[in-house]
Amino acid sequence: MSTTLADIYCAESGAVHLYHEKAQELTCLISGSLPYLHRTALRWMGNVADAEDVVQDALLSAYSHVEQFRGEARMSSWLTSIVINSARMRLRRRSRLASVPLDPQEPDAHALEEILPDRRPNPEEECRRAERAELLARSFRMLSPVLRRTFQLRDVDGLSIRETATLLGVPEGTVKARGARARAKLKQLLRKRLGATL
């Protein structure tokens, strides 16, 4: 059985078509999930600049390797794993670059505690923070289920108004109103418990 030139061209055009389909699907996915990817990278990196770099590296990697997407999982899962792997690689690079000698040999060298000051809160601050977190959690549980869910999605998880409205199946104006009511109710509950310092 011999392969003809027409068979080769047909196979190549099918592969090119498949590549373009995957690239188009990736483009649509990115346009809808970019805020989520930024939040994921920010959770790993801890600052906005590094998170943006991680997302940019991940998107470049995804576009250059889109033909390797096998479709065994959802493309969003594949893209999220690329973002997480990009964040891990950057953190590994960061830890290699930031090294300080523990035992300075040079007379001009600074002691480790001068270079890396202890920024942890003292026990009193930790206790105060824990008490306020518990108070906030109790006040949060006192909200109605509707307000609690809206507040959780919008203010805790950081979803946009449109994303929250889509998840809850309500108009955007309703999300805004519920968010405002939830914040006002929390403020009222916290004021009652902490005094008029808010």
C-alpha atoms as a PDB file:
ATOM      1  CA  MET A   1       0.000   0.000   0.000  1.00  0.00           C
ATOM      2  CA  SER A   2       1.552   3.325  -1.001  1.00  0.00           C
ATOM      3  CA  THR A   3       0.880   6.774   0.335  1.00  0.00           C
ATOM      4  CA  THR A   4       0.172   9.391  -2.280  1.00  0.00           C
ATOM      5  CA  LEU A   5       0.979  13.062  -2.174  1.00  0.00           C
ATOM      6  CA  ALA A   6      -2.759  13.802  -1.920  1.00  0.00           C
ATOM      7  CA  ASP A   7      -2.998  11.632   1.221  1.00  0.00           C
ATOM      8  CA  ILE A   8      -0.158  13.589   2.831  1.00  0.00           C
ATOM      9  CA  TYR A   9      -1.746  16.947   1.998  1.00  0.00           C
ATOM     10  CA  CYS A  10      -5.090  15.733   3.324  1.00  0.00           C
ATOM     11  CA  ALA A  11      -3.502  14.571   6.588  1.00  0.00           C
ATOM     12  CA  GLU A  12      -1.609  17.858   6.954  1.00  0.00           C
ATOM     13  CA  SER A  13      -4.717  19.967   6.325  1.00  0.00           C
ATOM     14  CA  GLY A  14      -6.624  17.923   8.932  1.00  0.00           C
ATOM     15  CA  ALA A  15      -3.850  18.474  11.479  1.00  0.00           C
ATOM     16  CA  VAL A  16      -3.760  22.192  10.699  1.00  0.00           C
ATOM     17  CA  HIS A  17      -7.550  22.401  11.058  1.00  0.00           C
ATOM     18  CA  LEU A  18      -7.377  20.573  14.414  1.00  0.00           C
ATOM     19  CA  TYR A  19      -4.618  22.918  15.596  1.00  0.00           C
ATOM     20  CA  HIS A  20      -6.682  25.976  14.649  1.00  0.00           C
ATOM     21  CA  GLU A  21      -9.734  24.550  16.455  1.00  0.00           C
ATOM     22  CA  LYS A  22      -7.702  24.009  19.627  1.00  0.00           C
ATOM     23  CA  ALA A  23      -6.136  27.476  19.364  1.00  0.00           C
ATOM     24  CA  GLN A  24      -9.590  29.038  18.898  1.00  0.00           C
ATOM     25  CA  GLU A  25     -10.963  27.112  21.899  1.00  0.00           C
ATOM     26  CA  LEU A  26      -7.974  28.249  23.973  1.00  0.00           C
ATOM     27  CA  THR A  27      -8.499  31.879  22.937  1.00  0.00           C
ATOM     28  CA  CYS A  28     -12.174  31.751  23.938  1.00  0.00           C
ATOM     29  CA  LEU A  29     -11.296  30.075  27.229  1.00  0.00           C
ATOM     30  CA  ILE A  30      -8.646  32.671  28.085  1.00  0.00           C
ATOM     31  CA  SER A  31     -10.968  35.590  27.404  1.00  0.00           C
ATOM     32  CA  GLY A  32     -13.462  34.197  29.913  1.00  0.00           C
ATOM     33  CA  SER A  33     -11.121  32.874  32.590  1.00  0.00           C
ATOM     34  CA  LEU A  34      -8.322  35.442  32.730  1.00  0.00           C
ATOM     35  CA  PRO A  35      -9.432  36.857  36.130  1.00  0.00           C
ATOM     36  CA  TYR A  36      -9.522  33.325  37.574  1.00  0.00           C
ATOM     37  CA  LEU A  37      -6.032  32.605  36.216  1.00  0.00           C
ATOM     38  CA  HIS A  38      -4.748  35.849  37.758  1.00  0.00           C
ATOM     39  CA  ARG A  39      -6.286  34.943  41.133  1.00  0.00           C
ATOM     40  CA  THR A  40      -4.733  31.468  40.974  1.00  0.00           C
ATOM     41  CA  ALA A  41      -1.305  32.895  40.184  1.00  0.00           C
ATOM     42  CA  LEU A  42      -1.686  35.557  42.877  1.00  0.00           C
ATOM     43  CA  ARG A  43      -2.447  32.890  45.483  1.00  0.00           C
ATOM     44  CA  TRP A  44       0.797  31.129  44.599  1.00  0.00           C
ATOM     45  CA  MET A  45       3.040  34.166  44.155  1.00  0.00           C
ATOM     46  CA  GLY A  46       1.782  36.574  46.791  1.00  0.00           C
ATOM     47  CA  ASN A  47       2.181  39.740  44.707  1.00  0.00           C
ATOM     48  CA  VAL A  48       0.519  41.145  41.611  1.00  0.00           C
ATOM     49  CA  ALA A  49       3.641  41.721  39.496  1.00  0.00           C
ATOM     50  CA  ASP A  50       4.873  38.131  39.809  1.00  0.00           C
ATOM     51  CA  ALA A  51       1.341  36.800  39.277  1.00  0.00           C
ATOM     52  CA  GLU A  52       1.054  38.750  36.016  1.00  0.00           C
ATOM     53  CA  ASP A  53       4.424  37.384  34.871  1.00  0.00           C
ATOM     54  CA  VAL A  54       3.325  33.852  35.736  1.00  0.00           C
ATOM     55  CA  VAL A  55       0.073  34.193  33.775  1.00  0.00           C
ATOM     56  CA  GLN A  56       1.932  35.655  30.804  1.00  0.00           C
ATOM     57  CA  ASP A  57       4.475  32.792  30.820  1.00  0.00           C
ATOM     58  CA  ALA A  58       1.662  30.256  31.152  1.00  0.00           C
ATOM     59  CA  LEU A  59      -0.329  31.704  28.250  1.00  0.00           C
ATOM     60  CA  LEU A  60       2.735  31.728  26.005  1.00  0.00           C
ATOM     61  CA  SER A  61       3.416  28.135  26.958  1.00  0.00           C
ATOM     62  CA  ALA A  62      -0.206  27.133  26.371  1.00  0.00           C
ATOM     63  CA  TYR A  63      -0.301  28.696  22.909  1.00  0.00           C
ATOM     64  CA  SER A  64       3.017  27.168  21.892  1.00  0.00           C
ATOM     65  CA  HIS A  65       1.959  23.698  23.114  1.00  0.00           C
ATOM     66  CA  VAL A  66      -1.757  23.740  22.271  1.00  0.00           C
ATOM     67  CA  GLU A  67      -1.263  20.866  19.842  1.00  0.00           C
ATOM     68  CA  GLN A  68      -0.213  18.709  22.824  1.00  0.00           C
ATOM     69  CA  PHE A  69      -3.617  19.116  24.461  1.00  0.00           C
ATOM     70  CA  ARG A  70      -5.074  15.615  24.224  1.00  0.00           C
ATOM     71  CA  GLY A  71      -8.603  16.379  25.416  1.00  0.00           C
ATOM     72  CA  GLU A  72      -8.476  13.888  28.301  1.00  0.00           C
ATOM     73  CA  ALA A  73      -9.505  16.679  30.679  1.00  0.00           C
ATOM     74  CA  ARG A  74     -11.221  20.013  30.184  1.00  0.00           C
ATOM     75  CA  MET A  75      -9.057  22.649  28.559  1.00  0.00           C
ATOM     76  CA  SER A  76      -9.636  24.934  31.560  1.00  0.00           C
ATOM     77  CA  SER A  77      -8.069  22.317  33.852  1.00  0.00           C
ATOM     78  CA  TRP A  78      -5.136  21.974  31.463  1.00  0.00           C
ATOM     79  CA  LEU A  79      -4.643  25.758  31.391  1.00  0.00           C
ATOM     80  CA  THR A  80      -4.915  26.056  35.184  1.00  0.00           C
ATOM     81  CA  SER A  81      -2.266  23.364  35.637  1.00  0.00           C
ATOM     82  CA  ILE A  82       0.035  25.276  33.268  1.00  0.00           C
ATOM     83  CA  VAL A  83      -0.443  28.425  35.385  1.00  0.00           C
ATOM     84  CA  ILE A  84       0.297  26.512  38.593  1.00  0.00           C
ATOM     85  CA  ASN A  85       3.383  24.861  37.087  1.00  0.00           C
ATOM     86  CA  SER A  86       4.603  28.237  35.855  1.00  0.00           C
ATOM     87  CA  ALA A  87       4.169  29.643  39.372  1.00  0.00           C
ATOM     88  CA  ARG A  88       6.074  26.705  40.873  1.00  0.00           C
ATOM     89  CA  MET A  89       8.948  27.169  38.428  1.00  0.00           C
ATOM     90  CA  ARG A  90       9.166  30.874  39.213  1.00  0.00           C
ATOM     91  CA  LEU A  91       9.130  30.162  42.972  1.00  0.00           C
ATOM     92  CA  ARG A  92      11.950  27.626  42.507  1.00  0.00           C
ATOM     93  CA  ARG A  93      13.969  30.196  40.566  1.00  0.00           C
ATOM     94  CA  ARG A  94      13.262  32.839  43.213  1.00  0.00           C
ATOM     95  CA  SER A  95      14.478  30.601  46.045  1.00  0.00           C
ATOM     96  CA  ARG A  96      17.726  29.853  44.173  1.00  0.00           C
ATOM     97  CA  LEU A  97      18.384  33.531  43.559  1.00  0.00           C
ATOM     98  CA  ALA A  98      17.678  34.743  47.096  1.00  0.00           C
ATOM     99  CA  SER A  99      20.453  33.294  49.193  1.00  0.00           C
ATOM    100  CA  VAL A 100      22.075  34.963  52.168  1.00  0.00           C
ATOM    101  CA  PRO A 101      25.115  33.556  53.958  1.00  0.00           C
ATOM    102  CA  LEU A 102      24.210  32.543  57.507  1.00  0.00           C
ATOM    103  CA  ASP A 103      27.748  33.011  58.786  1.00  0.00           C
ATOM    104  CA  PRO A 104      29.212  36.253  57.385  1.00  0.00           C
ATOM    105  CA  GLN A 105      32.976  36.015  56.776  1.00  0.00           C
ATOM    106  CA  GLU A 106      33.511  39.516  55.443  1.00  0.00           C
ATOM    107  CA  PRO A 107      33.748  42.477  57.832  1.00  0.00           C
ATOM    108  CA  ASP A 108      31.291  44.495  55.698  1.00  0.00           C
ATOM    109  CA  ALA A 109      28.719  41.686  55.640  1.00  0.00           C
ATOM    110  CA  HIS A 110      25.487  42.267  57.492  1.00  0.00           C
ATOM    111  CA  ALA A 111      24.054  39.836  59.988  1.00  0.00           C
ATOM    112  CA  LEU A 112      21.113  37.751  58.843  1.00  0.00           C
ATOM    113  CA  GLU A 113      18.705  39.470  61.226  1.00  0.00           C
ATOM    114  CA  GLU A 114      19.651  42.860  59.715  1.00  0.00           C
ATOM    115  CA  ILE A 115      18.930  41.653  56.204  1.00  0.00           C
ATOM    116  CA  LEU A 116      15.791  39.671  57.041  1.00  0.00           C
ATOM    117  CA  PRO A 117      13.995  41.350  59.939  1.00  0.00           C
ATOM    118  CA  ASP A 118      11.331  39.386  61.787  1.00  0.00           C
ATOM    119  CA  ARG A 119       8.055  40.789  60.479  1.00  0.00           C
ATOM    120  CA  ARG A 120       5.833  38.326  62.280  1.00  0.00           C
ATOM    121  CA  PRO A 121       3.214  39.833  64.591  1.00  0.00           C
ATOM    122  CA  ASN A 122       3.849  39.627  68.285  1.00  0.00           C
ATOM    123  CA  PRO A 123       1.638  37.322  70.425  1.00  0.00           C
ATOM    124  CA  GLU A 124      -0.707  40.150  71.397  1.00  0.00           C
ATOM    125  CA  GLU A 125      -1.311  41.084  67.756  1.00  0.00           C
ATOM    126  CA  GLU A 126      -1.857  37.424  66.856  1.00  0.00           C
ATOM    127  CA  CYS A 127      -4.412  37.061  69.647  1.00  0.00           C
ATOM    128  CA  ARG A 128      -6.227  40.241  68.599  1.00  0.00           C
ATOM    129  CA  ARG A 129      -6.265  39.102  64.958  1.00  0.00           C
ATOM    130  CA  ALA A 130      -7.611  35.662  65.932  1.00  0.00           C
ATOM    131  CA  GLU A 131     -10.362  37.228  68.063  1.00  0.00           C
ATOM    132  CA  ARG A 132     -11.413  39.554  65.242  1.00  0.00           C
ATOM    133  CA  ALA A 133     -11.364  36.708  62.720  1.00  0.00           C
ATOM    134  CA  GLU A 134     -13.604  34.633  64.988  1.00  0.00           C
ATOM    135  CA  LEU A 135     -15.927  37.606  65.499  1.00  0.00           C
ATOM    136  CA  LEU A 136     -16.106  38.176  61.748  1.00  0.00           C
ATOM    137  CA  ALA A 137     -16.797  34.462  61.142  1.00  0.00           C
ATOM    138  CA  ARG A 138     -19.614  34.476  63.718  1.00  0.00           C
ATOM    139  CA  SER A 139     -21.102  37.638  62.199  1.00  0.00           C
ATOM    140  CA  PHE A 140     -20.791  36.139  58.723  1.00  0.00           C
ATOM    141  CA  ARG A 141     -22.738  33.062  59.838  1.00  0.00           C
ATOM    142  CA  MET A 142     -25.527  35.355  61.107  1.00  0.00           C
ATOM    143  CA  LEU A 143     -26.215  36.646  57.572  1.00  0.00           C
ATOM    144  CA  SER A 144     -29.097  35.130  55.652  1.00  0.00           C
ATOM    145  CA  PRO A 145     -28.056  32.327  53.278  1.00  0.00           C
ATOM    146  CA  VAL A 146     -28.712  34.519  50.231  1.00  0.00           C
ATOM    147  CA  LEU A 147     -26.579  37.407  51.519  1.00  0.00           C
ATOM    148  CA  ARG A 148     -23.899  35.041  52.813  1.00  0.00           C
ATOM    149  CA  ARG A 149     -23.569  33.306  49.422  1.00  0.00           C
ATOM    150  CA  THR A 150     -23.434  36.603  47.535  1.00  0.00           C
ATOM    151  CA  PHE A 151     -20.858  38.064  49.934  1.00  0.00           C
ATOM    152  CA  GLN A 152     -18.770  34.873  49.746  1.00  0.00           C
ATOM    153  CA  LEU A 153     -18.649  34.863  45.945  1.00  0.00           C
ATOM    154  CA  ARG A 154     -18.202  38.596  45.458  1.00  0.00           C
ATOM    155  CA  ASP A 155     -16.035  39.771  48.379  1.00  0.00           C
ATOM    156  CA  VAL A 156     -14.241  36.660  49.614  1.00  0.00           C
ATOM    157  CA  ASP A 157     -13.679  34.701  46.383  1.00  0.00           C
ATOM    158  CA  GLY A 158     -13.183  37.914  44.393  1.00  0.00           C
ATOM    159  CA  LEU A 159     -15.555  37.149  41.519  1.00  0.00           C
ATOM    160  CA  SER A 160     -16.785  40.001  39.360  1.00  0.00           C
ATOM    161  CA  ILE A 161     -20.369  41.186  39.530  1.00  0.00           C
ATOM    162  CA  ARG A 162     -21.111  39.495  36.189  1.00  0.00           C
ATOM    163  CA  GLU A 163     -19.555  36.166  37.317  1.00  0.00           C
ATOM    164  CA  THR A 164     -21.464  36.258  40.597  1.00  0.00           C
ATOM    165  CA  ALA A 165     -24.738  37.070  38.818  1.00  0.00           C
ATOM    166  CA  THR A 166     -24.201  34.189  36.396  1.00  0.00           C
ATOM    167  CA  LEU A 167     -23.471  31.715  39.193  1.00  0.00           C
ATOM    168  CA  LEU A 168     -26.456  32.816  41.253  1.00  0.00           C
ATOM    169  CA  GLY A 169     -28.771  33.164  38.252  1.00  0.00           C
ATOM    170  CA  VAL A 170     -29.838  36.707  39.145  1.00  0.00           C
ATOM    171  CA  PRO A 171     -29.432  40.128  37.467  1.00  0.00           C
ATOM    172  CA  GLU A 172     -26.251  42.121  38.117  1.00  0.00           C
ATOM    173  CA  GLY A 173     -28.219  44.821  39.954  1.00  0.00           C
ATOM    174  CA  THR A 174     -29.432  42.190  42.418  1.00  0.00           C
ATOM    175  CA  VAL A 175     -25.842  41.137  43.106  1.00  0.00           C
ATOM    176  CA  LYS A 176     -24.876  44.760  43.779  1.00  0.00           C
ATOM    177  CA  ALA A 177     -27.826  45.257  46.132  1.00  0.00           C
ATOM    178  CA  ARG A 178     -27.237  41.988  48.009  1.00  0.00           C
ATOM    179  CA  GLY A 179     -23.526  42.768  48.344  1.00  0.00           C
ATOM    180  CA  ALA A 180     -24.276  46.215  49.763  1.00  0.00           C
ATOM    181  CA  ARG A 181     -26.857  44.771  52.186  1.00  0.00           C
ATOM    182  CA  ALA A 182     -24.426  42.045  53.305  1.00  0.00           C
ATOM    183  CA  ARG A 183     -21.637  44.566  53.956  1.00  0.00           C
ATOM    184  CA  ALA A 184     -23.998  46.900  55.816  1.00  0.00           C
ATOM    185  CA  LYS A 185     -25.347  44.026  57.946  1.00  0.00           C
ATOM    186  CA  LEU A 186     -21.805  42.805  58.747  1.00  0.00           C
ATOM    187  CA  LYS A 187     -20.758  46.329  59.667  1.00  0.00           C
ATOM    188  CA  GLN A 188     -23.802  46.662  61.928  1.00  0.00           C
ATOM    189  CA  LEU A 189     -23.113  43.308  63.640  1.00  0.00           C
ATOM    190  CA  LEU A 190     -19.432  44.087  64.123  1.00  0.00           C
ATOM    191  CA  ARG A 191     -20.193  47.586  65.424  1.00  0.00           C
ATOM    192  CA  LYS A 192     -22.572  46.120  67.969  1.00  0.00           C
ATOM    193  CA  ARG A 193     -19.896  43.680  69.206  1.00  0.00           C
ATOM    194  CA  LEU A 194     -16.772  45.853  68.954  1.00  0.00           C
ATOM    195  CA  GLY A 195     -18.257  49.208  69.840  1.00  0.00           C
ATOM    196  CA  ALA A 196     -18.405  52.288  67.652  1.00  0.00           C
ATOM    197  CA  THR A 197     -14.769  52.043  66.408  1.00  0.00           C
ATOM    198  CA  LEU A 198     -15.732  50.943  62.862  1.00  0.00           C
END
